[in-house]
Amino acid sequence: MGRTEAAIPKPKTRFLKVKCSSCGNEQIIFSNANSNVKCLACNNILAESKGGKVKLRAKVVKELD
């Protein structure tokens, strides 16, 4: 008996581990944040909200699933 597997679409949003370019602090942010994301250590802006996906100002270390 054949079994058909339904394809489950991957979400378009994800969590990102980013590294601050000013102080080197690493933190986890949401790819579709609705407000600017600041570094918890030095208050530098890591990502700017653009009404959808954020504009990153920090280096992405890892994409988390």
N, C-alpha and C. Protein backbone atom coordinates (compact mmCIF):
# COMPACT_ATOMS: atom_id res chain seq x y z
N MET A 1 0.84 -1.16 0.00
CA MET A 1 0.00 0.00 0.00
C MET A 1 0.90 1.24 0.00
N GLY A 2 0.75 2.09 -1.01
CA GLY A 2 1.57 3.30 -1.14
C GLY A 2 1.09 4.40 -0.20
N ARG A 3 2.05 5.08 0.36
CA ARG A 3 1.71 6.16 1.28
C ARG A 3 2.27 7.47 0.72
N THR A 4 1.42 8.44 0.61
CA THR A 4 1.85 9.72 0.06
C THR A 4 2.20 10.66 1.21
N GLU A 5 3.42 11.19 1.15
CA GLU A 5 3.87 12.14 2.17
C GLU A 5 3.50 13.55 1.74
N ALA A 6 2.82 14.27 2.61
CA ALA A 6 2.48 15.66 2.31
C ALA A 6 3.70 16.54 2.60
N ALA A 7 3.99 17.41 1.68
CA ALA A 7 5.12 18.32 1.86
C ALA A 7 4.72 19.41 2.85
N ILE A 8 5.51 19.58 3.87
CA ILE A 8 5.25 20.62 4.87
C ILE A 8 6.15 21.80 4.53
N PRO A 9 5.54 22.94 4.22
CA PRO A 9 6.37 24.09 3.85
C PRO A 9 7.17 24.62 5.03
N LYS A 10 8.40 25.07 4.74
CA LYS A 10 9.22 25.65 5.79
C LYS A 10 8.78 27.08 6.03
N PRO A 11 8.83 27.53 7.27
CA PRO A 11 8.43 28.92 7.54
C PRO A 11 9.40 29.90 6.90
N LYS A 12 8.88 31.08 6.54
CA LYS A 12 9.71 32.11 5.93
C LYS A 12 10.46 32.92 6.98
N THR A 13 10.02 32.81 8.22
CA THR A 13 10.67 33.54 9.30
C THR A 13 11.55 32.58 10.09
N ARG A 14 12.53 33.14 10.76
CA ARG A 14 13.40 32.30 11.60
C ARG A 14 14.09 33.17 12.64
N PHE A 15 14.74 32.51 13.55
CA PHE A 15 15.54 33.21 14.53
C PHE A 15 16.98 33.20 14.05
N LEU A 16 17.68 34.31 14.28
CA LEU A 16 19.06 34.46 13.84
C LEU A 16 19.95 34.77 15.03
N LYS A 17 21.09 34.10 15.09
CA LYS A 17 22.10 34.45 16.08
C LYS A 17 23.05 35.41 15.40
N VAL A 18 23.13 36.64 15.92
CA VAL A 18 23.95 37.67 15.29
C VAL A 18 25.03 38.15 16.25
N LYS A 19 26.08 38.73 15.66
CA LYS A 19 27.19 39.24 16.46
C LYS A 19 27.31 40.75 16.22
N CYS A 20 27.32 41.51 17.29
CA CYS A 20 27.43 42.96 17.22
C CYS A 20 28.80 43.35 16.68
N SER A 21 28.81 44.28 15.72
CA SER A 21 30.08 44.70 15.13
C SER A 21 30.86 45.63 16.06
N SER A 22 30.19 46.24 17.03
CA SER A 22 30.87 47.17 17.94
C SER A 22 31.56 46.47 19.10
N CYS A 23 30.80 45.60 19.80
CA CYS A 23 31.35 45.00 21.03
C CYS A 23 31.56 43.49 20.94
N GLY A 24 31.06 42.84 19.89
CA GLY A 24 31.25 41.40 19.74
C GLY A 24 30.23 40.55 20.48
N ASN A 25 29.24 41.19 21.13
CA ASN A 25 28.20 40.45 21.84
C ASN A 25 27.36 39.65 20.85
N GLU A 26 27.02 38.41 21.20
CA GLU A 26 26.14 37.59 20.36
C GLU A 26 24.78 37.49 21.02
N GLN A 27 23.72 37.65 20.21
CA GLN A 27 22.37 37.48 20.74
C GLN A 27 21.46 36.98 19.63
N ILE A 28 20.30 36.48 20.03
CA ILE A 28 19.34 35.90 19.10
C ILE A 28 18.24 36.92 18.83
N ILE A 29 17.95 37.12 17.52
CA ILE A 29 16.90 38.05 17.13
C ILE A 29 15.94 37.34 16.18
N PHE A 30 14.78 37.93 15.96
CA PHE A 30 13.76 37.39 15.06
C PHE A 30 13.92 38.05 13.70
N SER A 31 13.83 37.27 12.64
CA SER A 31 14.07 37.80 11.29
C SER A 31 13.01 38.80 10.83
N ASN A 32 11.84 38.79 11.44
CA ASN A 32 10.77 39.71 11.05
C ASN A 32 10.34 40.57 12.24
N ALA A 33 11.29 41.10 12.97
CA ALA A 33 10.97 41.94 14.13
C ALA A 33 10.24 43.20 13.66
N ASN A 34 9.28 43.67 14.45
CA ASN A 34 8.51 44.84 14.05
C ASN A 34 9.02 46.13 14.68
N SER A 35 10.17 46.08 15.30
CA SER A 35 10.82 47.28 15.82
C SER A 35 12.33 47.08 15.71
N ASN A 36 13.08 48.17 15.81
CA ASN A 36 14.54 48.06 15.74
C ASN A 36 15.06 47.21 16.89
N VAL A 37 16.07 46.41 16.60
CA VAL A 37 16.67 45.52 17.60
C VAL A 37 18.03 46.09 17.98
N LYS A 38 18.23 46.31 19.28
CA LYS A 38 19.49 46.87 19.77
C LYS A 38 20.28 45.80 20.52
N CYS A 39 21.60 45.99 20.52
CA CYS A 39 22.50 45.12 21.27
C CYS A 39 22.23 45.31 22.76
N LEU A 40 22.16 44.22 23.48
CA LEU A 40 21.88 44.29 24.92
C LEU A 40 23.09 44.79 25.70
N ALA A 41 24.27 44.70 25.12
CA ALA A 41 25.48 45.12 25.83
C ALA A 41 25.83 46.59 25.58
N CYS A 42 25.80 47.03 24.31
CA CYS A 42 26.27 48.38 24.00
C CYS A 42 25.22 49.30 23.37
N ASN A 43 24.02 48.80 23.17
CA ASN A 43 22.90 49.59 22.63
C ASN A 43 23.05 49.94 21.15
N ASN A 44 23.98 49.33 20.45
CA ASN A 44 24.14 49.53 19.01
C ASN A 44 22.97 48.87 18.29
N ILE A 45 22.49 49.47 17.19
CA ILE A 45 21.37 48.87 16.44
C ILE A 45 21.89 47.68 15.64
N LEU A 46 21.29 46.50 15.88
CA LEU A 46 21.67 45.28 15.17
C LEU A 46 20.83 45.05 13.93
N ALA A 47 19.55 45.47 13.99
CA ALA A 47 18.64 45.25 12.87
C ALA A 47 17.59 46.35 12.86
N GLU A 48 17.28 46.84 11.65
CA GLU A 48 16.27 47.87 11.48
C GLU A 48 15.00 47.24 10.94
N SER A 49 13.86 47.59 11.51
CA SER A 49 12.58 47.10 11.05
C SER A 49 12.21 47.79 9.74
N LYS A 50 11.79 47.02 8.77
CA LYS A 50 11.40 47.55 7.47
C LYS A 50 9.98 47.12 7.09
N GLY A 51 9.15 46.76 8.07
CA GLY A 51 7.78 46.36 7.80
C GLY A 51 7.63 44.92 7.35
N GLY A 52 8.68 44.18 7.33
CA GLY A 52 8.69 42.76 6.95
C GLY A 52 9.96 42.19 7.52
N LYS A 53 10.82 41.73 6.65
CA LYS A 53 12.13 41.28 7.12
C LYS A 53 12.95 42.47 7.56
N VAL A 54 13.81 42.24 8.53
CA VAL A 54 14.64 43.33 9.05
C VAL A 54 15.86 43.54 8.15
N LYS A 55 16.40 44.75 8.20
CA LYS A 55 17.66 45.05 7.51
C LYS A 55 18.76 44.86 8.54
N LEU A 56 19.60 43.86 8.33
CA LEU A 56 20.64 43.51 9.29
C LEU A 56 21.81 44.47 9.22
N ARG A 57 22.30 44.86 10.39
CA ARG A 57 23.52 45.66 10.51
C ARG A 57 24.60 44.86 11.23
N ALA A 58 24.26 43.66 11.64
CA ALA A 58 25.20 42.79 12.35
C ALA A 58 25.45 41.53 11.51
N LYS A 59 26.54 40.86 11.82
CA LYS A 59 26.89 39.63 11.11
C LYS A 59 26.09 38.45 11.65
N VAL A 60 25.50 37.68 10.75
CA VAL A 60 24.77 36.48 11.14
C VAL A 60 25.76 35.37 11.44
N VAL A 61 25.70 34.86 12.66
CA VAL A 61 26.59 33.76 13.07
C VAL A 61 25.95 32.42 12.71
N LYS A 62 24.63 32.33 12.95
CA LYS A 62 23.93 31.05 12.73
C LYS A 62 22.45 31.31 12.54
N GLU A 63 21.82 30.53 11.65
CA GLU A 63 20.38 30.56 11.49
C GLU A 63 19.81 29.39 12.28
N LEU A 64 18.88 29.69 13.17
CA LEU A 64 18.31 28.66 14.03
C LEU A 64 16.99 28.17 13.45
N ASP A 65 16.76 26.88 13.51
CA ASP A 65 15.51 26.29 12.99
C ASP A 65 14.54 26.03 14.11
